[in-house]
Amino acid sequence: MIYVDADACPVKAEILKVAERHGMEVTFVANSGLRPSRDPMVRNIIVSGAFDAADNWIADHVGADDIVVTADVPLAVRCVEKGAHVTGPTGRLFDKTNIGMASAMRDLGAHLRETGESKGYNAAFSPRDRSAFLEMLDRLCRRAKSAQAEPSP
């Protein structure tokens, strides 16, 4: 299963393409309207507009070896703790080896923005980001499928 933090996600079409190739279900979770899909492998979940409602829904439903696509580091932390494979829309992998640093850097960036030391501008989403994302999502799909195929001890 692939869970997508869908509000402002720039790679929805790419997720659908990779998921179809791997025969994986996709759940888009958002606070506002999503384009309906007739594909039975695609589910749209609309949550309330409450702060972190989409993140909380994903964190409550994700399991080990599911895939999560999010740019939200606190959500990534929660999903990695549950054993999920997590990537950002730029292809950035979040896993046990780097999630602590990613969380610390996010907190530092927030502090610098609060103090006025940083304006907090994000780089524009580029074709290179899209390509890196496609490569990472394909890799995570293969990893998740092989982990699910292994018999439990």
C-alpha atoms as a PDB file:
ATOM      1  CA  MET A   1       0.000   0.000   0.000  1.00  0.00           C
ATOM      2  CA  ILE A   2       1.192   3.506  -0.812  1.00  0.00           C
ATOM      3  CA  TYR A   3      -0.074   6.360   1.372  1.00  0.00           C
ATOM      4  CA  VAL A   4       0.256   9.889   0.022  1.00  0.00           C
ATOM      5  CA  ASP A   5       0.155  13.106   2.035  1.00  0.00           C
ATOM      6  CA  ALA A   6      -1.696  14.600  -0.919  1.00  0.00           C
ATOM      7  CA  ASP A   7      -2.143  18.267  -0.029  1.00  0.00           C
ATOM      8  CA  ALA A   8       0.274  20.137  -2.333  1.00  0.00           C
ATOM      9  CA  CYS A   9       1.918  16.892  -3.501  1.00  0.00           C
ATOM     10  CA  PRO A  10       3.556  17.611  -6.882  1.00  0.00           C
ATOM     11  CA  VAL A  11       4.018  13.964  -7.916  1.00  0.00           C
ATOM     12  CA  LYS A  12       0.534  12.423  -7.833  1.00  0.00           C
ATOM     13  CA  ALA A  13       0.628  11.379 -11.502  1.00  0.00           C
ATOM     14  CA  GLU A  14       4.045   9.769 -11.029  1.00  0.00           C
ATOM     15  CA  ILE A  15       2.818   7.848  -7.985  1.00  0.00           C
ATOM     16  CA  LEU A  16      -0.089   6.438  -9.980  1.00  0.00           C
ATOM     17  CA  LYS A  17       2.201   5.392 -12.821  1.00  0.00           C
ATOM     18  CA  VAL A  18       4.669   3.551 -10.557  1.00  0.00           C
ATOM     19  CA  ALA A  19       1.908   2.002  -8.429  1.00  0.00           C
ATOM     20  CA  GLU A  20       0.157   0.643 -11.514  1.00  0.00           C
ATOM     21  CA  ARG A  21       3.397  -0.899 -12.768  1.00  0.00           C
ATOM     22  CA  HIS A  22       3.861  -2.665  -9.409  1.00  0.00           C
ATOM     23  CA  GLY A  23       0.188  -3.516  -8.857  1.00  0.00           C
ATOM     24  CA  MET A  24       0.058  -1.567  -5.596  1.00  0.00           C
ATOM     25  CA  GLU A  25      -2.890   0.229  -4.039  1.00  0.00           C
ATOM     26  CA  VAL A  26      -2.640   3.986  -3.476  1.00  0.00           C
ATOM     27  CA  THR A  27      -4.424   6.034  -0.819  1.00  0.00           C
ATOM     28  CA  PHE A  28      -4.373   9.808  -1.238  1.00  0.00           C
ATOM     29  CA  VAL A  29      -5.136  11.656   2.014  1.00  0.00           C
ATOM     30  CA  ALA A  30      -5.944  15.378   1.956  1.00  0.00           C
ATOM     31  CA  ASN A  31      -7.827  18.159   3.728  1.00  0.00           C
ATOM     32  CA  SER A  32      -9.488  19.332   0.538  1.00  0.00           C
ATOM     33  CA  GLY A  33     -10.851  18.016  -2.720  1.00  0.00           C
ATOM     34  CA  LEU A  34      -9.056  15.369  -4.696  1.00  0.00           C
ATOM     35  CA  ARG A  35      -9.759  14.446  -8.276  1.00  0.00           C
ATOM     36  CA  PRO A  36     -11.853  11.258  -8.249  1.00  0.00           C
ATOM     37  CA  SER A  37     -10.438   8.120  -9.806  1.00  0.00           C
ATOM     38  CA  ARG A  38     -12.268   5.195 -11.370  1.00  0.00           C
ATOM     39  CA  ASP A  39      -9.267   2.971 -10.714  1.00  0.00           C
ATOM     40  CA  PRO A  40     -10.211   0.440  -7.999  1.00  0.00           C
ATOM     41  CA  MET A  41      -6.581   0.524  -6.803  1.00  0.00           C
ATOM     42  CA  VAL A  42      -6.868   4.241  -5.902  1.00  0.00           C
ATOM     43  CA  ARG A  43      -8.659   5.516  -2.815  1.00  0.00           C
ATOM     44  CA  ASN A  44      -9.188   9.144  -1.813  1.00  0.00           C
ATOM     45  CA  ILE A  45      -9.611  10.057   1.841  1.00  0.00           C
ATOM     46  CA  ILE A  46     -10.763  13.581   2.694  1.00  0.00           C
ATOM     47  CA  VAL A  47     -10.117  14.473   6.333  1.00  0.00           C
ATOM     48  CA  SER A  48     -11.205  17.516   8.311  1.00  0.00           C
ATOM     49  CA  GLY A  49      -9.366  20.798   7.959  1.00  0.00           C
ATOM     50  CA  ALA A  50      -7.950  20.396  11.478  1.00  0.00           C
ATOM     51  CA  PHE A  51      -4.215  20.868  11.878  1.00  0.00           C
ATOM     52  CA  ASP A  52      -2.349  17.620  11.067  1.00  0.00           C
ATOM     53  CA  ALA A  53      -5.585  15.712  10.311  1.00  0.00           C
ATOM     54  CA  ALA A  54      -4.141  14.132   7.151  1.00  0.00           C
ATOM     55  CA  ASP A  55      -0.869  13.316   8.919  1.00  0.00           C
ATOM     56  CA  ASN A  56      -2.725  11.726  11.826  1.00  0.00           C
ATOM     57  CA  TRP A  57      -4.879   9.631   9.487  1.00  0.00           C
ATOM     58  CA  ILE A  58      -1.820   8.312   7.654  1.00  0.00           C
ATOM     59  CA  ALA A  59       0.110   7.621  10.870  1.00  0.00           C
ATOM     60  CA  ASP A  60      -2.893   5.740  12.290  1.00  0.00           C
ATOM     61  CA  HIS A  61      -3.276   3.510   9.215  1.00  0.00           C
ATOM     62  CA  VAL A  62       0.279   2.891   7.963  1.00  0.00           C
ATOM     63  CA  GLY A  63       1.977  -0.388   8.740  1.00  0.00           C
ATOM     64  CA  ALA A  64       5.355  -2.015   8.358  1.00  0.00           C
ATOM     65  CA  ASP A  65       6.519  -2.201   4.740  1.00  0.00           C
ATOM     66  CA  ASP A  66       3.877   0.235   3.510  1.00  0.00           C
ATOM     67  CA  ILE A  67       5.163   3.214   1.540  1.00  0.00           C
ATOM     68  CA  VAL A  68       4.515   6.835   2.494  1.00  0.00           C
ATOM     69  CA  VAL A  69       5.098   9.876   0.296  1.00  0.00           C
ATOM     70  CA  THR A  70       5.348  13.081   2.318  1.00  0.00           C
ATOM     71  CA  ALA A  71       7.442  16.210   2.630  1.00  0.00           C
ATOM     72  CA  ASP A  72       6.371  16.524   6.277  1.00  0.00           C
ATOM     73  CA  VAL A  73       9.272  15.457   8.504  1.00  0.00           C
ATOM     74  CA  PRO A  74       7.209  14.900  11.700  1.00  0.00           C
ATOM     75  CA  LEU A  75       4.918  12.566   9.739  1.00  0.00           C
ATOM     76  CA  ALA A  76       7.974  10.825   8.278  1.00  0.00           C
ATOM     77  CA  VAL A  77       9.292  10.271  11.828  1.00  0.00           C
ATOM     78  CA  ARG A  78       6.025   8.630  12.877  1.00  0.00           C
ATOM     79  CA  CYS A  79       5.913   6.390   9.800  1.00  0.00           C
ATOM     80  CA  VAL A  80       9.569   5.302  10.002  1.00  0.00           C
ATOM     81  CA  GLU A  81       8.918   4.314  13.641  1.00  0.00           C
ATOM     82  CA  LYS A  82       6.165   1.994  12.364  1.00  0.00           C
ATOM     83  CA  GLY A  83       8.507   0.350   9.852  1.00  0.00           C
ATOM     84  CA  ALA A  84       7.199   2.082   6.732  1.00  0.00           C
ATOM     85  CA  HIS A  85       9.315   3.056   3.732  1.00  0.00           C
ATOM     86  CA  VAL A  86       9.161   6.864   3.455  1.00  0.00           C
ATOM     87  CA  THR A  87      10.191   9.256   0.707  1.00  0.00           C
ATOM     88  CA  GLY A  88       9.647  12.901   0.008  1.00  0.00           C
ATOM     89  CA  PRO A  89       8.386  14.162  -3.361  1.00  0.00           C
ATOM     90  CA  THR A  90      11.973  15.029  -4.333  1.00  0.00           C
ATOM     91  CA  GLY A  91      13.115  11.434  -3.832  1.00  0.00           C
ATOM     92  CA  ARG A  92      14.597  12.082  -0.401  1.00  0.00           C
ATOM     93  CA  LEU A  93      14.606   8.850   1.581  1.00  0.00           C
ATOM     94  CA  PHE A  94      13.661   8.946   5.253  1.00  0.00           C
ATOM     95  CA  ASP A  95      14.790   5.880   7.193  1.00  0.00           C
ATOM     96  CA  LYS A  96      16.162   4.849  10.595  1.00  0.00           C
ATOM     97  CA  THR A  97      19.660   6.030   9.659  1.00  0.00           C
ATOM     98  CA  ASN A  98      18.720   9.625   8.839  1.00  0.00           C
ATOM     99  CA  ILE A  99      15.337  10.465  10.350  1.00  0.00           C
ATOM    100  CA  GLY A 100      16.858  11.869  13.551  1.00  0.00           C
ATOM    101  CA  MET A 101      19.039  14.281  11.579  1.00  0.00           C
ATOM    102  CA  ALA A 102      16.150  15.224   9.291  1.00  0.00           C
ATOM    103  CA  SER A 103      14.011  16.022  12.327  1.00  0.00           C
ATOM    104  CA  ALA A 104      16.786  18.047  13.976  1.00  0.00           C
ATOM    105  CA  MET A 105      17.396  20.033  10.772  1.00  0.00           C
ATOM    106  CA  ARG A 106      13.682  20.743  10.432  1.00  0.00           C
ATOM    107  CA  ASP A 107      13.565  22.020  14.021  1.00  0.00           C
ATOM    108  CA  LEU A 108      16.660  24.162  13.435  1.00  0.00           C
ATOM    109  CA  GLY A 109      15.139  25.626  10.264  1.00  0.00           C
ATOM    110  CA  ALA A 110      11.921  26.440  12.130  1.00  0.00           C
ATOM    111  CA  HIS A 111      13.919  28.152  14.868  1.00  0.00           C
ATOM    112  CA  LEU A 112      15.912  30.197  12.339  1.00  0.00           C
ATOM    113  CA  ARG A 113      12.706  31.290  10.604  1.00  0.00           C
ATOM    114  CA  GLU A 114      11.139  32.277  13.937  1.00  0.00           C
ATOM    115  CA  THR A 115      14.164  34.403  14.859  1.00  0.00           C
ATOM    116  CA  GLY A 116      14.338  36.006  11.421  1.00  0.00           C
ATOM    117  CA  GLU A 117      17.753  34.499  10.646  1.00  0.00           C
ATOM    118  CA  SER A 118      16.301  32.680   7.649  1.00  0.00           C
ATOM    119  CA  LYS A 119      13.519  33.523   5.224  1.00  0.00           C
ATOM    120  CA  GLY A 120      12.743  29.819   4.761  1.00  0.00           C
ATOM    121  CA  TYR A 121      12.419  29.776   0.985  1.00  0.00           C
ATOM    122  CA  ASN A 122      12.227  26.319  -0.542  1.00  0.00           C
ATOM    123  CA  ALA A 123      13.914  25.532  -3.824  1.00  0.00           C
ATOM    124  CA  ALA A 124      11.572  25.174  -6.805  1.00  0.00           C
ATOM    125  CA  PHE A 125      10.524  21.637  -7.721  1.00  0.00           C
ATOM    126  CA  SER A 126      12.687  20.615 -10.683  1.00  0.00           C
ATOM    127  CA  PRO A 127      12.729  17.919 -13.375  1.00  0.00           C
ATOM    128  CA  ARG A 128      15.714  16.439 -11.524  1.00  0.00           C
ATOM    129  CA  ASP A 129      13.561  16.168  -8.370  1.00  0.00           C
ATOM    130  CA  ARG A 130      10.823  14.405 -10.355  1.00  0.00           C
ATOM    131  CA  SER A 131      13.338  11.945 -11.809  1.00  0.00           C
ATOM    132  CA  ALA A 132      14.897  11.244  -8.399  1.00  0.00           C
ATOM    133  CA  PHE A 133      11.423  10.675  -6.960  1.00  0.00           C
ATOM    134  CA  LEU A 134      10.464   8.198  -9.675  1.00  0.00           C
ATOM    135  CA  GLU A 135      13.666   6.240  -9.097  1.00  0.00           C
ATOM    136  CA  MET A 136      13.207   6.202  -5.309  1.00  0.00           C
ATOM    137  CA  LEU A 137       9.534   5.226  -5.434  1.00  0.00           C
ATOM    138  CA  ASP A 138      10.285   2.378  -7.822  1.00  0.00           C
ATOM    139  CA  ARG A 139      13.044   1.156  -5.495  1.00  0.00           C
ATOM    140  CA  LEU A 140      10.753   1.371  -2.442  1.00  0.00           C
ATOM    141  CA  CYS A 141       7.975  -0.517  -4.251  1.00  0.00           C
ATOM    142  CA  ARG A 142      10.368  -3.352  -5.054  1.00  0.00           C
ATOM    143  CA  ARG A 143      11.671  -3.348  -1.469  1.00  0.00           C
ATOM    144  CA  ALA A 144       8.162  -3.367   0.032  1.00  0.00           C
ATOM    145  CA  LYS A 145       6.954  -6.136  -2.261  1.00  0.00           C
ATOM    146  CA  SER A 146       9.945  -8.343  -1.484  1.00  0.00           C
ATOM    147  CA  ALA A 147       9.548  -7.753   2.273  1.00  0.00           C
ATOM    148  CA  GLN A 148       5.863  -8.684   2.082  1.00  0.00           C
ATOM    149  CA  ALA A 149       6.700 -11.821   0.106  1.00  0.00           C
ATOM    150  CA  GLU A 150       9.139 -13.111   2.743  1.00  0.00           C
ATOM    151  CA  PRO A 151       7.599 -15.592   5.184  1.00  0.00           C
ATOM    152  CA  SER A 152       7.329 -14.435   8.794  1.00  0.00           C
ATOM    153  CA  PRO A 153       9.578 -16.231  11.293  1.00  0.00           C
END
